Amino acid sequence: MAIRVAGEDIGAVADAGAVTVLRGSVKGMTTSGSWNYGPSAFGGLPTDALYGAAIDG
């Protein structure tokens, strides 16, 4: 499951945003093996990037 955290502050960078990916199984969701991505994973960390805002749910 992908979860958007568009307003996430990363350090001193306001509203950089993030996407958290959780794994699941027949037993349910788990944080074990989860991933968290923000704009810095792709080379930048701009203020107000709102990374993840396009994920709707």
PDB file of N, CA and C in Angstrom:
ATOM      1  N   MET A   1       0.842  -1.144   0.000  1.00  0.00           N
ATOM      2  CA  MET A   1       0.000   0.000   0.000  1.00  0.00           C
ATOM      3  C   MET A   1       0.898   1.221   0.000  1.00  0.00           C
ATOM      4  N   ALA A   2       0.608   2.172  -0.855  1.00  0.00           N
ATOM      5  CA  ALA A   2       1.344   3.440  -0.894  1.00  0.00           C
ATOM      6  C   ALA A   2       0.527   4.491  -0.160  1.00  0.00           C
ATOM      7  N   ILE A   3       1.176   5.190   0.746  1.00  0.00           N
ATOM      8  CA  ILE A   3       0.507   6.211   1.555  1.00  0.00           C
ATOM      9  C   ILE A   3       1.208   7.539   1.318  1.00  0.00           C
ATOM     10  N   ARG A   4       0.446   8.531   0.938  1.00  0.00           N
ATOM     11  CA  ARG A   4       1.042   9.849   0.698  1.00  0.00           C
ATOM     12  C   ARG A   4       1.125  10.634   1.998  1.00  0.00           C
ATOM     13  N   VAL A   5       2.195  11.375   2.131  1.00  0.00           N
ATOM     14  CA  VAL A   5       2.412  12.260   3.274  1.00  0.00           C
ATOM     15  C   VAL A   5       2.898  13.583   2.687  1.00  0.00           C
ATOM     16  N   ALA A   6       2.034  14.197   1.900  1.00  0.00           N
ATOM     17  CA  ALA A   6       2.417  15.359   1.095  1.00  0.00           C
ATOM     18  C   ALA A   6       2.915  16.530   1.923  1.00  0.00           C
ATOM     19  N   GLY A   7       2.443  16.703   3.133  1.00  0.00           N
ATOM     20  CA  GLY A   7       2.850  17.836   3.955  1.00  0.00           C
ATOM     21  C   GLY A   7       4.008  17.537   4.887  1.00  0.00           C
ATOM     22  N   GLU A   8       4.677  16.415   4.722  1.00  0.00           N
ATOM     23  CA  GLU A   8       5.770  15.998   5.601  1.00  0.00           C
ATOM     24  C   GLU A   8       6.935  16.981   5.531  1.00  0.00           C
ATOM     25  N   ASP A   9       7.345  17.459   6.698  1.00  0.00           N
ATOM     26  CA  ASP A   9       8.549  18.288   6.780  1.00  0.00           C
ATOM     27  C   ASP A   9       9.737  17.358   6.948  1.00  0.00           C
ATOM     28  N   ILE A  10      10.801  17.589   6.197  1.00  0.00           N
ATOM     29  CA  ILE A  10      12.010  16.779   6.306  1.00  0.00           C
ATOM     30  C   ILE A  10      13.121  17.695   6.775  1.00  0.00           C
ATOM     31  N   GLY A  11      13.491  17.539   8.034  1.00  0.00           N
ATOM     32  CA  GLY A  11      14.461  18.452   8.638  1.00  0.00           C
ATOM     33  C   GLY A  11      13.897  19.862   8.633  1.00  0.00           C
ATOM     34  N   ALA A  12      14.649  20.802   8.129  1.00  0.00           N
ATOM     35  CA  ALA A  12      14.215  22.195   8.063  1.00  0.00           C
ATOM     36  C   ALA A  12      13.441  22.508   6.784  1.00  0.00           C
ATOM     37  N   VAL A  13      13.250  21.515   5.921  1.00  0.00           N
ATOM     38  CA  VAL A  13      12.555  21.733   4.649  1.00  0.00           C
ATOM     39  C   VAL A  13      11.058  21.501   4.840  1.00  0.00           C
ATOM     40  N   ALA A  14      10.290  22.574   4.747  1.00  0.00           N
ATOM     41  CA  ALA A  14       8.848  22.509   4.951  1.00  0.00           C
ATOM     42  C   ALA A  14       8.133  21.892   3.756  1.00  0.00           C
ATOM     43  N   ASP A  15       7.175  21.029   4.050  1.00  0.00           N
ATOM     44  CA  ASP A  15       6.282  20.440   3.036  1.00  0.00           C
ATOM     45  C   ASP A  15       7.013  19.759   1.894  1.00  0.00           C
ATOM     46  N   ALA A  16       8.147  19.134   2.184  1.00  0.00           N
ATOM     47  CA  ALA A  16       8.873  18.399   1.145  1.00  0.00           C
ATOM     48  C   ALA A  16       8.043  17.213   0.672  1.00  0.00           C
ATOM     49  N   GLY A  17       7.347  16.570   1.591  1.00  0.00           N
ATOM     50  CA  GLY A  17       6.484  15.443   1.254  1.00  0.00           C
ATOM     51  C   GLY A  17       7.218  14.116   1.281  1.00  0.00           C
ATOM     52  N   ALA A  18       6.445  13.042   1.278  1.00  0.00           N
ATOM     53  CA  ALA A  18       7.001  11.697   1.297  1.00  0.00           C
ATOM     54  C   ALA A  18       5.940  10.705   0.860  1.00  0.00           C
ATOM     55  N   VAL A  19       6.396   9.523   0.503  1.00  0.00           N
ATOM     56  CA  VAL A  19       5.506   8.398   0.215  1.00  0.00           C
ATOM     57  C   VAL A  19       6.024   7.225   1.025  1.00  0.00           C
ATOM     58  N   THR A  20       5.137   6.597   1.783  1.00  0.00           N
ATOM     59  CA  THR A  20       5.485   5.410   2.560  1.00  0.00           C
ATOM     60  C   THR A  20       4.829   4.213   1.908  1.00  0.00           C
ATOM     61  N   VAL A  21       5.595   3.157   1.722  1.00  0.00           N
ATOM     62  CA  VAL A  21       5.072   1.928   1.124  1.00  0.00           C
ATOM     63  C   VAL A  21       5.111   0.843   2.193  1.00  0.00           C
ATOM     64  N   LEU A  22       3.929   0.292   2.506  1.00  0.00           N
ATOM     65  CA  LEU A  22       3.814  -0.781   3.486  1.00  0.00           C
ATOM     66  C   LEU A  22       3.587  -2.101   2.775  1.00  0.00           C
ATOM     67  N   ARG A  23       4.115  -3.139   3.360  1.00  0.00           N
ATOM     68  CA  ARG A  23       3.920  -4.485   2.812  1.00  0.00           C
ATOM     69  C   ARG A  23       2.745  -5.144   3.514  1.00  0.00           C
ATOM     70  N   GLY A  24       2.182  -6.117   2.854  1.00  0.00           N
ATOM     71  CA  GLY A  24       1.064  -6.846   3.435  1.00  0.00           C
ATOM     72  C   GLY A  24       1.116  -8.314   3.073  1.00  0.00           C
ATOM     73  N   SER A  25       0.315  -9.076   3.770  1.00  0.00           N
ATOM     74  CA  SER A  25       0.198 -10.511   3.510  1.00  0.00           C
ATOM     75  C   SER A  25      -1.225 -10.922   3.850  1.00  0.00           C
ATOM     76  N   VAL A  26      -1.490 -12.187   3.816  1.00  0.00           N
ATOM     77  CA  VAL A  26      -2.828 -12.662   4.171  1.00  0.00           C
ATOM     78  C   VAL A  26      -3.142 -12.362   5.634  1.00  0.00           C
ATOM     79  N   LYS A  27      -2.115 -12.078   6.433  1.00  0.00           N
ATOM     80  CA  LYS A  27      -2.301 -11.747   7.847  1.00  0.00           C
ATOM     81  C   LYS A  27      -2.530 -10.255   8.077  1.00  0.00           C
ATOM     82  N   GLY A  28      -2.349  -9.431   7.041  1.00  0.00           N
ATOM     83  CA  GLY A  28      -2.582  -7.996   7.167  1.00  0.00           C
ATOM     84  C   GLY A  28      -1.358  -7.172   6.817  1.00  0.00           C
ATOM     85  N   MET A  29      -1.435  -5.870   7.125  1.00  0.00           N
ATOM     86  CA  MET A  29      -0.364  -4.929   6.824  1.00  0.00           C
ATOM     87  C   MET A  29       0.738  -5.048   7.872  1.00  0.00           C
ATOM     88  N   THR A  30       1.968  -4.709   7.458  1.00  0.00           N
ATOM     89  CA  THR A  30       3.089  -4.716   8.380  1.00  0.00           C
ATOM     90  C   THR A  30       4.053  -3.587   8.030  1.00  0.00           C
ATOM     91  N   THR A  31       4.749  -3.093   9.034  1.00  0.00           N
ATOM     92  CA  THR A  31       5.785  -2.094   8.782  1.00  0.00           C
ATOM     93  C   THR A  31       7.123  -2.768   8.506  1.00  0.00           C
ATOM     94  N   SER A  32       7.199  -4.064   8.722  1.00  0.00           N
ATOM     95  CA  SER A  32       8.427  -4.805   8.439  1.00  0.00           C
ATOM     96  C   SER A  32       8.706  -4.759   6.934  1.00  0.00           C
ATOM     97  N   GLY A  33       9.857  -4.272   6.572  1.00  0.00           N
ATOM     98  CA  GLY A  33      10.204  -4.167   5.162  1.00  0.00           C
ATOM     99  C   GLY A  33       9.569  -2.972   4.466  1.00  0.00           C
ATOM    100  N   SER A  34       9.023  -2.027   5.244  1.00  0.00           N
ATOM    101  CA  SER A  34       8.401  -0.850   4.633  1.00  0.00           C
ATOM    102  C   SER A  34       9.473   0.097   4.096  1.00  0.00           C
ATOM    103  N   TRP A  35       9.068   0.976   3.189  1.00  0.00           N
ATOM    104  CA  TRP A  35       9.963   1.950   2.569  1.00  0.00           C
ATOM    105  C   TRP A  35       9.354   3.329   2.716  1.00  0.00           C
ATOM    106  N   ASN A  36      10.194   4.333   2.825  1.00  0.00           N
ATOM    107  CA  ASN A  36       9.749   5.712   2.876  1.00  0.00           C
ATOM    108  C   ASN A  36      10.597   6.508   1.884  1.00  0.00           C
ATOM    109  N   TYR A  37       9.942   7.115   0.903  1.00  0.00           N
ATOM    110  CA  TYR A  37      10.637   7.879  -0.139  1.00  0.00           C
ATOM    111  C   TYR A  37      10.219   9.334  -0.068  1.00  0.00           C
ATOM    112  N   GLY A  38      11.178  10.215  -0.225  1.00  0.00           N
ATOM    113  CA  GLY A  38      10.926  11.644  -0.343  1.00  0.00           C
ATOM    114  C   GLY A  38      11.674  12.160  -1.556  1.00  0.00           C
ATOM    115  N   PRO A  39      11.570  13.443  -1.839  1.00  0.00           N
ATOM    116  CA  PRO A  39      12.236  14.001  -3.015  1.00  0.00           C
ATOM    117  C   PRO A  39      13.751  13.826  -2.990  1.00  0.00           C
ATOM    118  N   SER A  40      14.345  13.709  -1.799  1.00  0.00           N
ATOM    119  CA  SER A  40      15.797  13.539  -1.726  1.00  0.00           C
ATOM    120  C   SER A  40      16.237  12.207  -2.323  1.00  0.00           C
ATOM    121  N   ALA A  41      15.336  11.230  -2.386  1.00  0.00           N
ATOM    122  CA  ALA A  41      15.662   9.936  -3.003  1.00  0.00           C
ATOM    123  C   ALA A  41      15.909  10.087  -4.500  1.00  0.00           C
ATOM    124  N   PHE A  42      15.464  11.206  -5.059  1.00  0.00           N
ATOM    125  CA  PHE A  42      15.609  11.446  -6.486  1.00  0.00           C
ATOM    126  C   PHE A  42      16.485  12.657  -6.780  1.00  0.00           C
ATOM    127  N   GLY A  43      17.295  13.060  -5.781  1.00  0.00           N
ATOM    128  CA  GLY A  43      18.290  14.093  -6.010  1.00  0.00           C
ATOM    129  C   GLY A  43      17.935  15.499  -5.587  1.00  0.00           C
ATOM    130  N   GLY A  44      16.779  15.714  -5.002  1.00  0.00           N
ATOM    131  CA  GLY A  44      16.441  17.075  -4.598  1.00  0.00           C
ATOM    132  C   GLY A  44      15.608  17.092  -3.340  1.00  0.00           C
ATOM    133  N   LEU A  45      15.573  18.211  -2.681  1.00  0.00           N
ATOM    134  CA  LEU A  45      14.760  18.365  -1.484  1.00  0.00           C
ATOM    135  C   LEU A  45      14.210  19.782  -1.432  1.00  0.00           C
ATOM    136  N   PRO A  46      13.397  20.154  -2.425  1.00  0.00           N
ATOM    137  CA  PRO A  46      12.893  21.523  -2.466  1.00  0.00           C
ATOM    138  C   PRO A  46      11.760  21.753  -1.466  1.00  0.00           C
ATOM    139  N   THR A  47      11.716  22.959  -0.929  1.00  0.00           N
ATOM    140  CA  THR A  47      10.614  23.363  -0.067  1.00  0.00           C
ATOM    141  C   THR A  47       9.318  23.357  -0.879  1.00  0.00           C
ATOM    142  N   ASP A  48       8.254  22.938  -0.259  1.00  0.00           N
ATOM    143  CA  ASP A  48       6.911  22.906  -0.859  1.00  0.00           C
ATOM    144  C   ASP A  48       6.820  21.962  -2.066  1.00  0.00           C
ATOM    145  N   ALA A  49       7.646  20.927  -2.106  1.00  0.00           N
ATOM    146  CA  ALA A  49       7.577  19.977  -3.213  1.00  0.00           C
ATOM    147  C   ALA A  49       6.287  19.171  -3.154  1.00  0.00           C
ATOM    148  N   LEU A  50       5.752  18.948  -1.940  1.00  0.00           N
ATOM    149  CA  LEU A  50       4.528  18.176  -1.727  1.00  0.00           C
ATOM    150  C   LEU A  50       4.624  16.804  -2.411  1.00  0.00           C
ATOM    151  N   TYR A  51       5.800  16.212  -2.338  1.00  0.00           N
ATOM    152  CA  TYR A  51       6.022  14.892  -2.932  1.00  0.00           C
ATOM    153  C   TYR A  51       4.962  13.926  -2.414  1.00  0.00           C
ATOM    154  N   GLY A  52       4.370  13.181  -3.292  1.00  0.00           N
ATOM    155  CA  GLY A  52       3.328  12.235  -2.934  1.00  0.00           C
ATOM    156  C   GLY A  52       1.927  12.780  -3.049  1.00  0.00           C
ATOM    157  N   ALA A  53       1.762  14.066  -3.319  1.00  0.00           N
ATOM    158  CA  ALA A  53       0.442  14.682  -3.370  1.00  0.00           C
ATOM    159  C   ALA A  53      -0.440  14.087  -4.470  1.00  0.00           C
ATOM    160  N   ALA A  54       0.157  13.535  -5.519  1.00  0.00           N
ATOM    161  CA  ALA A  54      -0.632  13.004  -6.631  1.00  0.00           C
ATOM    162  C   ALA A  54      -1.271  11.653  -6.318  1.00  0.00           C
ATOM    163  N   ILE A  55      -0.841  11.008  -5.228  1.00  0.00           N
ATOM    164  CA  ILE A  55      -1.464   9.730  -4.845  1.00  0.00           C
ATOM    165  C   ILE A  55      -2.795  10.062  -4.196  1.00  0.00           C
ATOM    166  N   ASP A  56      -3.867   9.560  -4.731  1.00  0.00           N
ATOM    167  CA  ASP A  56      -5.204   9.836  -4.237  1.00  0.00           C
ATOM    168  C   ASP A  56      -5.772   8.575  -3.602  1.00  0.00           C
ATOM    169  N   GLY A  57      -6.404   8.725  -2.502  1.00  0.00           N
ATOM    170  CA  GLY A  57      -6.967   7.541  -1.882  1.00  0.00           C
ATOM    171  C   GLY A  57      -7.659   7.871  -0.671  1.00  0.00           C
TER     172      GLY A  57
END
